Amino acid sequence: MTNRLFVGNLAWEARASDIRTAAELLGFVVTDVFVPVDRSSGRPRGFAFLELDSDDAAERAATALDGELLAGRPLRVDLARSRD
C-alpha cells in the first residue's frame, strides 16, 4: 500500500498549491505535493505526486479526486506505483 498518489492530466498552469487545495477542500490532509518540471524548458510535465497522511486516506482520495476538474481539466488520479 502507499500514501502517494499519481495525479495526471494537469493543465500547464496548475500549481502545487492548486492540487493541495483541491485535496484539502475534500477533507484530506496533504503532507507533500511534487510537480515534476521538464529539465530543458522548465515547464511542468502535466502530472504530479500527492502525498497524504495515510494509506487509507490515499485510497479514498484517489476515488474522490479522480475526474474532479482543476483548471478546466478532469484529473486522472491513481495510487502511485513504486519505482522498484
PDB file of N, CA and C in Angstrom:
ATOM      1  N   MET A   1       0.845  -1.177   0.000  1.00  0.00           N
ATOM      2  CA  MET A   1       0.000   0.000   0.000  1.00  0.00           C
ATOM      3  C   MET A   1       0.890   1.239   0.000  1.00  0.00           C
ATOM      4  N   THR A   2       0.335   2.350  -0.391  1.00  0.00           N
ATOM      5  CA  THR A   2       1.103   3.591  -0.458  1.00  0.00           C
ATOM      6  C   THR A   2       0.237   4.778  -0.065  1.00  0.00           C
ATOM      7  N   ASN A   3       0.888   5.820   0.411  1.00  0.00           N
ATOM      8  CA  ASN A   3       0.161   7.049   0.723  1.00  0.00           C
ATOM      9  C   ASN A   3       0.415   8.113  -0.342  1.00  0.00           C
ATOM     10  N   ARG A   4       1.007   7.701  -1.479  1.00  0.00           N
ATOM     11  CA  ARG A   4       1.286   8.622  -2.587  1.00  0.00           C
ATOM     12  C   ARG A   4       0.320   8.382  -3.738  1.00  0.00           C
ATOM     13  N   LEU A   5      -0.109   9.482  -4.345  1.00  0.00           N
ATOM     14  CA  LEU A   5      -0.993   9.417  -5.498  1.00  0.00           C
ATOM     15  C   LEU A   5      -0.304   9.995  -6.720  1.00  0.00           C
ATOM     16  N   PHE A   6      -0.611   9.421  -7.870  1.00  0.00           N
ATOM     17  CA  PHE A   6      -0.232   9.997  -9.151  1.00  0.00           C
ATOM     18  C   PHE A   6      -1.415  10.836  -9.599  1.00  0.00           C
ATOM     19  N   VAL A   7      -1.172  12.087  -9.951  1.00  0.00           N
ATOM     20  CA  VAL A   7      -2.229  12.986 -10.421  1.00  0.00           C
ATOM     21  C   VAL A   7      -1.858  13.405 -11.839  1.00  0.00           C
ATOM     22  N   GLY A   8      -2.626  12.940 -12.811  1.00  0.00           N
ATOM     23  CA  GLY A   8      -2.330  13.221 -14.207  1.00  0.00           C
ATOM     24  C   GLY A   8      -3.363  14.117 -14.857  1.00  0.00           C
ATOM     25  N   ASN A   9      -3.076  14.473 -16.107  1.00  0.00           N
ATOM     26  CA  ASN A   9      -3.926  15.343 -16.919  1.00  0.00           C
ATOM     27  C   ASN A   9      -4.010  16.753 -16.346  1.00  0.00           C
ATOM     28  N   LEU A  10      -2.914  17.218 -15.751  1.00  0.00           N
ATOM     29  CA  LEU A  10      -2.894  18.573 -15.192  1.00  0.00           C
ATOM     30  C   LEU A  10      -2.755  19.614 -16.299  1.00  0.00           C
ATOM     31  N   ALA A  11      -3.443  20.713 -16.127  1.00  0.00           N
ATOM     32  CA  ALA A  11      -3.256  21.860 -17.013  1.00  0.00           C
ATOM     33  C   ALA A  11      -1.853  22.414 -16.775  1.00  0.00           C
ATOM     34  N   TRP A  12      -1.242  22.987 -17.808  1.00  0.00           N
ATOM     35  CA  TRP A  12       0.120  23.524 -17.671  1.00  0.00           C
ATOM     36  C   TRP A  12       0.206  24.565 -16.566  1.00  0.00           C
ATOM     37  N   GLU A  13      -0.868  25.319 -16.362  1.00  0.00           N
ATOM     38  CA  GLU A  13      -0.831  26.395 -15.364  1.00  0.00           C
ATOM     39  C   GLU A  13      -1.144  25.928 -13.940  1.00  0.00           C
ATOM     40  N   ALA A  14      -1.500  24.659 -13.765  1.00  0.00           N
ATOM     41  CA  ALA A  14      -1.807  24.141 -12.423  1.00  0.00           C
ATOM     42  C   ALA A  14      -0.543  24.133 -11.565  1.00  0.00           C
ATOM     43  N   ARG A  15      -0.675  24.604 -10.358  1.00  0.00           N
ATOM     44  CA  ARG A  15       0.461  24.679  -9.434  1.00  0.00           C
ATOM     45  C   ARG A  15       0.262  23.679  -8.292  1.00  0.00           C
ATOM     46  N   ALA A  16       1.341  23.423  -7.566  1.00  0.00           N
ATOM     47  CA  ALA A  16       1.280  22.514  -6.419  1.00  0.00           C
ATOM     48  C   ALA A  16       0.225  22.981  -5.426  1.00  0.00           C
ATOM     49  N   SER A  17       0.130  24.286  -5.226  1.00  0.00           N
ATOM     50  CA  SER A  17      -0.848  24.818  -4.269  1.00  0.00           C
ATOM     51  C   SER A  17      -2.283  24.542  -4.720  1.00  0.00           C
ATOM     52  N   ASP A  18      -2.531  24.527  -6.028  1.00  0.00           N
ATOM     53  CA  ASP A  18      -3.871  24.219  -6.548  1.00  0.00           C
ATOM     54  C   ASP A  18      -4.248  22.765  -6.248  1.00  0.00           C
ATOM     55  N   ILE A  19      -3.287  21.871  -6.423  1.00  0.00           N
ATOM     56  CA  ILE A  19      -3.522  20.447  -6.176  1.00  0.00           C
ATOM     57  C   ILE A  19      -3.757  20.210  -4.687  1.00  0.00           C
ATOM     58  N   ARG A  20      -2.925  20.841  -3.869  1.00  0.00           N
ATOM     59  CA  ARG A  20      -3.072  20.729  -2.412  1.00  0.00           C
ATOM     60  C   ARG A  20      -4.455  21.212  -1.982  1.00  0.00           C
ATOM     61  N   THR A  21      -4.869  22.359  -2.481  1.00  0.00           N
ATOM     62  CA  THR A  21      -6.163  22.932  -2.113  1.00  0.00           C
ATOM     63  C   THR A  21      -7.314  22.019  -2.528  1.00  0.00           C
ATOM     64  N   ALA A  22      -7.235  21.447  -3.726  1.00  0.00           N
ATOM     65  CA  ALA A  22      -8.300  20.551  -4.201  1.00  0.00           C
ATOM     66  C   ALA A  22      -8.484  19.377  -3.245  1.00  0.00           C
ATOM     67  N   ALA A  23      -7.385  18.798  -2.780  1.00  0.00           N
ATOM     68  CA  ALA A  23      -7.466  17.663  -1.851  1.00  0.00           C
ATOM     69  C   ALA A  23      -7.936  18.108  -0.475  1.00  0.00           C
ATOM     70  N   GLU A  24      -7.419  19.234  -0.001  1.00  0.00           N
ATOM     71  CA  GLU A  24      -7.790  19.709   1.335  1.00  0.00           C
ATOM     72  C   GLU A  24      -9.254  20.128   1.410  1.00  0.00           C
ATOM     73  N   LEU A  25      -9.802  20.659   0.314  1.00  0.00           N
ATOM     74  CA  LEU A  25     -11.221  21.029   0.303  1.00  0.00           C
ATOM     75  C   LEU A  25     -12.131  19.809   0.452  1.00  0.00           C
ATOM     76  N   LEU A  26     -11.620  18.642   0.092  1.00  0.00           N
ATOM     77  CA  LEU A  26     -12.381  17.401   0.259  1.00  0.00           C
ATOM     78  C   LEU A  26     -12.105  16.751   1.608  1.00  0.00           C
ATOM     79  N   GLY A  27     -11.310  17.417   2.448  1.00  0.00           N
ATOM     80  CA  GLY A  27     -11.076  16.943   3.808  1.00  0.00           C
ATOM     81  C   GLY A  27      -9.834  16.098   4.011  1.00  0.00           C
ATOM     82  N   PHE A  28      -8.948  16.033   3.033  1.00  0.00           N
ATOM     83  CA  PHE A  28      -7.742  15.214   3.153  1.00  0.00           C
ATOM     84  C   PHE A  28      -6.576  16.032   3.694  1.00  0.00           C
ATOM     85  N   VAL A  29      -5.698  15.363   4.445  1.00  0.00           N
ATOM     86  CA  VAL A  29      -4.503  16.005   4.999  1.00  0.00           C
ATOM     87  C   VAL A  29      -3.343  15.714   4.050  1.00  0.00           C
ATOM     88  N   VAL A  30      -2.860  16.757   3.399  1.00  0.00           N
ATOM     89  CA  VAL A  30      -1.778  16.637   2.422  1.00  0.00           C
ATOM     90  C   VAL A  30      -0.447  16.895   3.119  1.00  0.00           C
ATOM     91  N   THR A  31       0.510  15.981   2.937  1.00  0.00           N
ATOM     92  CA  THR A  31       1.828  16.171   3.547  1.00  0.00           C
ATOM     93  C   THR A  31       2.870  16.655   2.544  1.00  0.00           C
ATOM     94  N   ASP A  32       2.635  16.422   1.228  1.00  0.00           N
ATOM     95  CA  ASP A  32       3.590  16.887   0.222  1.00  0.00           C
ATOM     96  C   ASP A  32       2.948  16.861  -1.158  1.00  0.00           C
ATOM     97  N   VAL A  33       3.378  17.788  -2.015  1.00  0.00           N
ATOM     98  CA  VAL A  33       2.984  17.801  -3.423  1.00  0.00           C
ATOM     99  C   VAL A  33       4.253  18.035  -4.233  1.00  0.00           C
ATOM    100  N   PHE A  34       4.475  17.199  -5.249  1.00  0.00           N
ATOM    101  CA  PHE A  34       5.641  17.348  -6.114  1.00  0.00           C
ATOM    102  C   PHE A  34       5.165  17.418  -7.554  1.00  0.00           C
ATOM    103  N   VAL A  35       5.499  18.517  -8.239  1.00  0.00           N
ATOM    104  CA  VAL A  35       5.146  18.698  -9.643  1.00  0.00           C
ATOM    105  C   VAL A  35       6.449  18.673 -10.449  1.00  0.00           C
ATOM    106  N   PRO A  36       6.752  17.568 -11.148  1.00  0.00           N
ATOM    107  CA  PRO A  36       7.981  17.499 -11.939  1.00  0.00           C
ATOM    108  C   PRO A  36       7.971  18.515 -13.079  1.00  0.00           C
ATOM    109  N   VAL A  37       9.141  19.056 -13.371  1.00  0.00           N
ATOM    110  CA  VAL A  37       9.278  20.000 -14.487  1.00  0.00           C
ATOM    111  C   VAL A  37      10.270  19.443 -15.504  1.00  0.00           C
ATOM    112  N   ASP A  38      10.089  19.833 -16.740  1.00  0.00           N
ATOM    113  CA  ASP A  38      10.982  19.446 -17.818  1.00  0.00           C
ATOM    114  C   ASP A  38      12.336  20.123 -17.620  1.00  0.00           C
ATOM    115  N   ARG A  39      13.408  19.361 -17.725  1.00  0.00           N
ATOM    116  CA  ARG A  39      14.749  19.916 -17.488  1.00  0.00           C
ATOM    117  C   ARG A  39      15.122  21.012 -18.473  1.00  0.00           C
ATOM    118  N   SER A  40      14.758  20.850 -19.732  1.00  0.00           N
ATOM    119  CA  SER A  40      15.177  21.828 -20.733  1.00  0.00           C
ATOM    120  C   SER A  40      14.300  23.072 -20.767  1.00  0.00           C
ATOM    121  N   SER A  41      12.995  22.901 -20.630  1.00  0.00           N
ATOM    122  CA  SER A  41      12.099  24.062 -20.738  1.00  0.00           C
ATOM    123  C   SER A  41      11.728  24.667 -19.393  1.00  0.00           C
ATOM    124  N   GLY A  42      11.815  23.870 -18.327  1.00  0.00           N
ATOM    125  CA  GLY A  42      11.399  24.353 -17.012  1.00  0.00           C
ATOM    126  C   GLY A  42       9.892  24.350 -16.811  1.00  0.00           C
ATOM    127  N   ARG A  43       9.161  23.856 -17.807  1.00  0.00           N
ATOM    128  CA  ARG A  43       7.693  23.810 -17.713  1.00  0.00           C
ATOM    129  C   ARG A  43       7.245  22.540 -17.002  1.00  0.00           C
ATOM    130  N   PRO A  44       6.098  22.610 -16.314  1.00  0.00           N
ATOM    131  CA  PRO A  44       5.545  21.401 -15.680  1.00  0.00           C
ATOM    132  C   PRO A  44       5.300  20.322 -16.737  1.00  0.00           C
ATOM    133  N   ARG A  45       5.396  19.069 -16.319  1.00  0.00           N
ATOM    134  CA  ARG A  45       5.256  17.947 -17.246  1.00  0.00           C
ATOM    135  C   ARG A  45       3.826  17.434 -17.354  1.00  0.00           C
ATOM    136  N   GLY A  46       2.877  18.059 -16.644  1.00  0.00           N
ATOM    137  CA  GLY A  46       1.472  17.675 -16.778  1.00  0.00           C
ATOM    138  C   GLY A  46       0.993  16.635 -15.787  1.00  0.00           C
ATOM    139  N   PHE A  47       1.838  16.330 -14.805  1.00  0.00           N
ATOM    140  CA  PHE A  47       1.421  15.400 -13.761  1.00  0.00           C
ATOM    141  C   PHE A  47       2.099  15.790 -12.457  1.00  0.00           C
ATOM    142  N   ALA A  48       1.630  15.171 -11.367  1.00  0.00           N
ATOM    143  CA  ALA A  48       2.186  15.476 -10.046  1.00  0.00           C
ATOM    144  C   ALA A  48       2.054  14.250  -9.157  1.00  0.00           C
ATOM    145  N   PHE A  49       2.722  14.321  -8.022  1.00  0.00           N
ATOM    146  CA  PHE A  49       2.584  13.303  -6.986  1.00  0.00           C
ATOM    147  C   PHE A  49       2.095  13.993  -5.727  1.00  0.00           C
ATOM    148  N   LEU A  50       1.084  13.423  -5.135  1.00  0.00           N
ATOM    149  CA  LEU A  50       0.443  13.976  -3.949  1.00  0.00           C
ATOM    150  C   LEU A  50       0.619  12.967  -2.823  1.00  0.00           C
ATOM    151  N   GLU A  51       1.152  13.412  -1.698  1.00  0.00           N
ATOM    152  CA  GLU A  51       1.355  12.527  -0.553  1.00  0.00           C
ATOM    153  C   GLU A  51       0.372  12.907   0.543  1.00  0.00           C
ATOM    154  N   LEU A  52      -0.317  11.897   1.072  1.00  0.00           N
ATOM    155  CA  LEU A  52      -1.308  12.121   2.119  1.00  0.00           C
ATOM    156  C   LEU A  52      -0.828  11.522   3.433  1.00  0.00           C
ATOM    157  N   ASP A  53      -1.590  11.767   4.495  1.00  0.00           N
ATOM    158  CA  ASP A  53      -1.156  11.361   5.832  1.00  0.00           C
ATOM    159  C   ASP A  53      -1.290   9.866   6.117  1.00  0.00           C
ATOM    160  N   SER A  54      -1.970   9.099   5.267  1.00  0.00           N
ATOM    161  CA  SER A  54      -2.089   7.651   5.495  1.00  0.00           C
ATOM    162  C   SER A  54      -2.421   6.930   4.191  1.00  0.00           C
ATOM    163  N   ASP A  55      -2.163   5.635   4.189  1.00  0.00           N
ATOM    164  CA  ASP A  55      -2.505   4.802   3.036  1.00  0.00           C
ATOM    165  C   ASP A  55      -4.010   4.807   2.784  1.00  0.00           C
ATOM    166  N   ASP A  56      -4.785   4.719   3.861  1.00  0.00           N
ATOM    167  CA  ASP A  56      -6.246   4.714   3.755  1.00  0.00           C
ATOM    168  C   ASP A  56      -6.749   6.013   3.133  1.00  0.00           C
ATOM    169  N   ALA A  57      -6.192   7.129   3.575  1.00  0.00           N
ATOM    170  CA  ALA A  57      -6.587   8.431   3.026  1.00  0.00           C
ATOM    171  C   ALA A  57      -6.244   8.509   1.543  1.00  0.00           C
ATOM    172  N   ALA A  58      -5.101   7.967   1.152  1.00  0.00           N
ATOM    173  CA  ALA A  58      -4.704   7.991  -0.254  1.00  0.00           C
ATOM    174  C   ALA A  58      -5.688   7.199  -1.109  1.00  0.00           C
ATOM    175  N   GLU A  59      -6.117   6.060  -0.611  1.00  0.00           N
ATOM    176  CA  GLU A  59      -7.081   5.248  -1.348  1.00  0.00           C
ATOM    177  C   GLU A  59      -8.405   5.998  -1.529  1.00  0.00           C
ATOM    178  N   ARG A  60      -8.878   6.621  -0.458  1.00  0.00           N
ATOM    179  CA  ARG A  60     -10.131   7.383  -0.529  1.00  0.00           C
ATOM    180  C   ARG A  60      -9.976   8.614  -1.416  1.00  0.00           C
ATOM    181  N   ALA A  61      -8.830   9.285  -1.334  1.00  0.00           N
ATOM    182  CA  ALA A  61      -8.593  10.491  -2.130  1.00  0.00           C
ATOM    183  C   ALA A  61      -8.503  10.158  -3.617  1.00  0.00           C
ATOM    184  N   ALA A  62      -7.921   9.011  -3.951  1.00  0.00           N
ATOM    185  CA  ALA A  62      -7.830   8.611  -5.358  1.00  0.00           C
ATOM    186  C   ALA A  62      -9.223   8.525  -5.967  1.00  0.00           C
ATOM    187  N   THR A  63     -10.146   7.942  -5.232  1.00  0.00           N
ATOM    188  CA  THR A  63     -11.525   7.822  -5.709  1.00  0.00           C
ATOM    189  C   THR A  63     -12.214   9.184  -5.755  1.00  0.00           C
ATOM    190  N   ALA A  64     -12.019   9.983  -4.713  1.00  0.00           N
ATOM    191  CA  ALA A  64     -12.699  11.276  -4.611  1.00  0.00           C
ATOM    192  C   ALA A  64     -12.192  12.287  -5.637  1.00  0.00           C
ATOM    193  N   LEU A  65     -10.889  12.290  -5.912  1.00  0.00           N
ATOM    194  CA  LEU A  65     -10.303  13.294  -6.802  1.00  0.00           C
ATOM    195  C   LEU A  65     -10.350  12.905  -8.275  1.00  0.00           C
ATOM    196  N   ASP A  66     -10.414  11.605  -8.569  1.00  0.00           N
ATOM    197  CA  ASP A  66     -10.414  11.161  -9.959  1.00  0.00           C
ATOM    198  C   ASP A  66     -11.620  11.740 -10.692  1.00  0.00           C
ATOM    199  N   GLY A  67     -11.358  12.466 -11.762  1.00  0.00           N
ATOM    200  CA  GLY A  67     -12.430  13.080 -12.543  1.00  0.00           C
ATOM    201  C   GLY A  67     -12.796  14.487 -12.113  1.00  0.00           C
ATOM    202  N   GLU A  68     -12.314  14.929 -10.948  1.00  0.00           N
ATOM    203  CA  GLU A  68     -12.578  16.304 -10.497  1.00  0.00           C
ATOM    204  C   GLU A  68     -11.911  17.289 -11.454  1.00  0.00           C
ATOM    205  N   LEU A  69     -12.549  18.424 -11.679  1.00  0.00           N
ATOM    206  CA  LEU A  69     -11.981  19.437 -12.564  1.00  0.00           C
ATOM    207  C   LEU A  69     -11.000  20.327 -11.814  1.00  0.00           C
ATOM    208  N   LEU A  70      -9.856  20.566 -12.432  1.00  0.00           N
ATOM    209  CA  LEU A  70      -8.866  21.504 -11.912  1.00  0.00           C
ATOM    210  C   LEU A  70      -8.366  22.302 -13.105  1.00  0.00           C
ATOM    211  N   ALA A  71      -8.559  23.603 -13.066  1.00  0.00           N
ATOM    212  CA  ALA A  71      -8.191  24.486 -14.181  1.00  0.00           C
ATOM    213  C   ALA A  71      -8.845  24.010 -15.483  1.00  0.00           C
ATOM    214  N   GLY A  72     -10.088  23.550 -15.371  1.00  0.00           N
ATOM    215  CA  GLY A  72     -10.858  23.161 -16.541  1.00  0.00           C
ATOM    216  C   GLY A  72     -10.574  21.777 -17.102  1.00  0.00           C
ATOM    217  N   ARG A  73      -9.730  20.999 -16.429  1.00  0.00           N
ATOM    218  CA  ARG A  73      -9.397  19.658 -16.923  1.00  0.00           C
ATOM    219  C   ARG A  73      -9.733  18.607 -15.876  1.00  0.00           C
ATOM    220  N   PRO A  74     -10.277  17.463 -16.304  1.00  0.00           N
ATOM    221  CA  PRO A  74     -10.578  16.390 -15.344  1.00  0.00           C
ATOM    222  C   PRO A  74      -9.284  15.694 -14.912  1.00  0.00           C
ATOM    223  N   LEU A  75      -9.091  15.594 -13.612  1.00  0.00           N
ATOM    224  CA  LEU A  75      -7.897  14.939 -13.083  1.00  0.00           C
ATOM    225  C   LEU A  75      -7.978  13.434 -13.294  1.00  0.00           C
ATOM    226  N   ARG A  76      -6.845  12.830 -13.520  1.00  0.00           N
ATOM    227  CA  ARG A  76      -6.720  11.371 -13.575  1.00  0.00           C
ATOM    228  C   ARG A  76      -5.861  10.991 -12.375  1.00  0.00           C
ATOM    229  N   VAL A  77      -6.476  10.360 -11.383  1.00  0.00           N
ATOM    230  CA  VAL A  77      -5.796  10.100 -10.109  1.00  0.00           C
ATOM    231  C   VAL A  77      -5.794   8.605  -9.808  1.00  0.00           C
ATOM    232  N   ASP A  78      -4.630   8.121  -9.396  1.00  0.00           N
ATOM    233  CA  ASP A  78      -4.496   6.716  -9.021  1.00  0.00           C
ATOM    234  C   ASP A  78      -3.388   6.600  -7.979  1.00  0.00           C
ATOM    235  N   LEU A  79      -3.355   5.481  -7.283  1.00  0.00           N
ATOM    236  CA  LEU A  79      -2.264   5.243  -6.344  1.00  0.00           C
ATOM    237  C   LEU A  79      -0.958   5.195  -7.126  1.00  0.00           C
ATOM    238  N   ALA A  80       0.068   5.849  -6.618  1.00  0.00           N
ATOM    239  CA  ALA A  80       1.366   5.869  -7.292  1.00  0.00           C
ATOM    240  C   ALA A  80       2.017   4.496  -7.186  1.00  0.00           C
ATOM    241  N   ARG A  81       2.665   4.099  -8.251  1.00  0.00           N
ATOM    242  CA  ARG A  81       3.393   2.830  -8.259  1.00  0.00           C
ATOM    243  C   ARG A  81       4.826   3.074  -7.826  1.00  0.00           C
ATOM    244  N   SER A  82       5.390   2.092  -7.183  1.00  0.00           N
ATOM    245  CA  SER A  82       6.783   2.149  -6.750  1.00  0.00           C
ATOM    246  C   SER A  82       7.704   2.072  -7.965  1.00  0.00           C
ATOM    247  N   ARG A  83       8.873   2.669  -7.871  1.00  0.00           N
ATOM    248  CA  ARG A  83       9.848   2.608  -8.961  1.00  0.00           C
ATOM    249  C   ARG A  83      10.565   1.269  -9.016  1.00  0.00           C
ATOM    250  N   ASP A  84      10.367   0.437  -8.024  1.00  0.00           N
ATOM    251  CA  ASP A  84      11.062  -0.865  -7.966  1.00  0.00           C
ATOM    252  C   ASP A  84      10.620  -1.801  -9.053  1.00  0.00           C
TER     253      ASP A  84
END
